[in-house]
Amino acid sequence: MVERGTGRRGGGGSLLIGLALLVAVVIGAIYLFNQDGREDAKADATGKAADKIGDAARDVGDAAKSAANRIQ
């Protein structure tokens, strides 16, 4: 008769669950880092648009001053 050890032998299910959790955490971290990058890009685009609007308003103001000076 062959006697085998009395220790626990698992089927590897807990290893697969642990691996799945690790993969989920990595995917979540990548998603969050990408979201942060998107927010930065949106903020940069908004800032550039605001700068362009400010420049256009300044040009309109200069044109109005020039027109007012010509009328006087």
Protein backbone atom coordinates (compact mmCIF):
# COMPACT_ATOMS: atom_id res chain seq x y z
CA MET A 1 0.00 0.00 0.00
CA VAL A 2 1.30 3.45 -0.96
CA GLU A 3 0.59 6.13 1.56
CA ARG A 4 0.36 9.65 0.31
CA GLY A 5 0.96 12.81 2.32
CA THR A 6 -1.85 14.08 4.44
CA GLY A 7 -1.21 17.75 3.49
CA ARG A 8 -3.66 19.81 1.50
CA ARG A 9 -3.62 19.56 -2.21
CA GLY A 10 -5.48 22.22 -4.14
CA GLY A 11 -6.73 22.20 -7.64
CA GLY A 12 -5.15 25.57 -8.40
CA GLY A 13 -8.44 27.43 -8.20
CA SER A 14 -7.17 29.94 -5.68
CA LEU A 15 -4.16 30.61 -7.89
CA LEU A 16 -6.44 31.35 -10.84
CA ILE A 17 -8.61 33.66 -8.73
CA GLY A 18 -5.53 35.50 -7.49
CA LEU A 19 -4.23 35.87 -11.01
CA ALA A 20 -7.60 37.16 -12.22
CA LEU A 21 -7.66 39.74 -9.42
CA LEU A 22 -4.15 40.86 -10.28
CA VAL A 23 -5.10 41.30 -13.93
CA ALA A 24 -8.21 43.28 -12.90
CA VAL A 25 -6.13 45.60 -10.71
CA VAL A 26 -3.61 46.21 -13.51
CA ILE A 27 -6.38 46.95 -16.02
CA GLY A 28 -8.03 49.32 -13.52
CA ALA A 29 -4.76 51.15 -12.93
CA ILE A 30 -4.16 51.56 -16.66
CA TYR A 31 -7.70 52.88 -17.10
CA LEU A 32 -7.26 55.44 -14.31
CA PHE A 33 -3.92 56.63 -15.68
CA ASN A 34 -5.48 57.06 -19.12
CA GLN A 35 -8.40 58.99 -17.65
CA ASP A 36 -5.95 61.37 -15.98
CA GLY A 37 -4.19 61.89 -19.30
CA ARG A 38 -7.50 62.62 -21.02
CA GLU A 39 -8.41 65.17 -18.38
CA ASP A 40 -5.04 66.88 -18.85
CA ALA A 41 -5.57 66.96 -22.62
CA LYS A 42 -9.05 68.46 -22.14
CA ALA A 43 -7.68 71.11 -19.81
CA ASP A 44 -4.91 71.97 -22.28
CA ALA A 45 -7.40 72.23 -25.15
CA THR A 46 -9.71 74.41 -23.06
CA GLY A 47 -6.83 76.68 -22.09
CA LYS A 48 -5.72 77.05 -25.70
CA ALA A 49 -9.27 77.84 -26.80
CA ALA A 50 -9.58 80.46 -24.06
CA ASP A 51 -6.30 82.02 -25.18
CA LYS A 52 -7.56 82.21 -28.77
CA ILE A 53 -10.83 83.80 -27.62
CA GLY A 54 -8.86 86.31 -25.57
CA ASP A 55 -6.67 87.14 -28.56
CA ALA A 56 -9.73 87.58 -30.78
CA ALA A 57 -11.39 89.85 -28.20
CA ARG A 58 -8.23 91.93 -28.01
CA ASP A 59 -8.20 92.25 -31.82
CA VAL A 60 -11.85 93.37 -31.82
CA GLY A 61 -11.09 95.91 -29.10
CA ASP A 62 -8.13 97.27 -31.05
CA ALA A 63 -10.24 97.52 -34.20
CA ALA A 64 -12.97 99.36 -32.27
CA LYS A 65 -10.43 101.84 -30.88
CA SER A 66 -8.98 102.39 -34.35
CA ALA A 67 -12.45 102.99 -35.80
CA ALA A 68 -13.34 105.37 -32.98
CA ASN A 69 -10.11 107.32 -33.56
CA ARG A 70 -10.88 107.66 -37.29
CA ILE A 71 -14.36 109.00 -36.57
CA GLN A 72 -13.08 111.74 -34.28
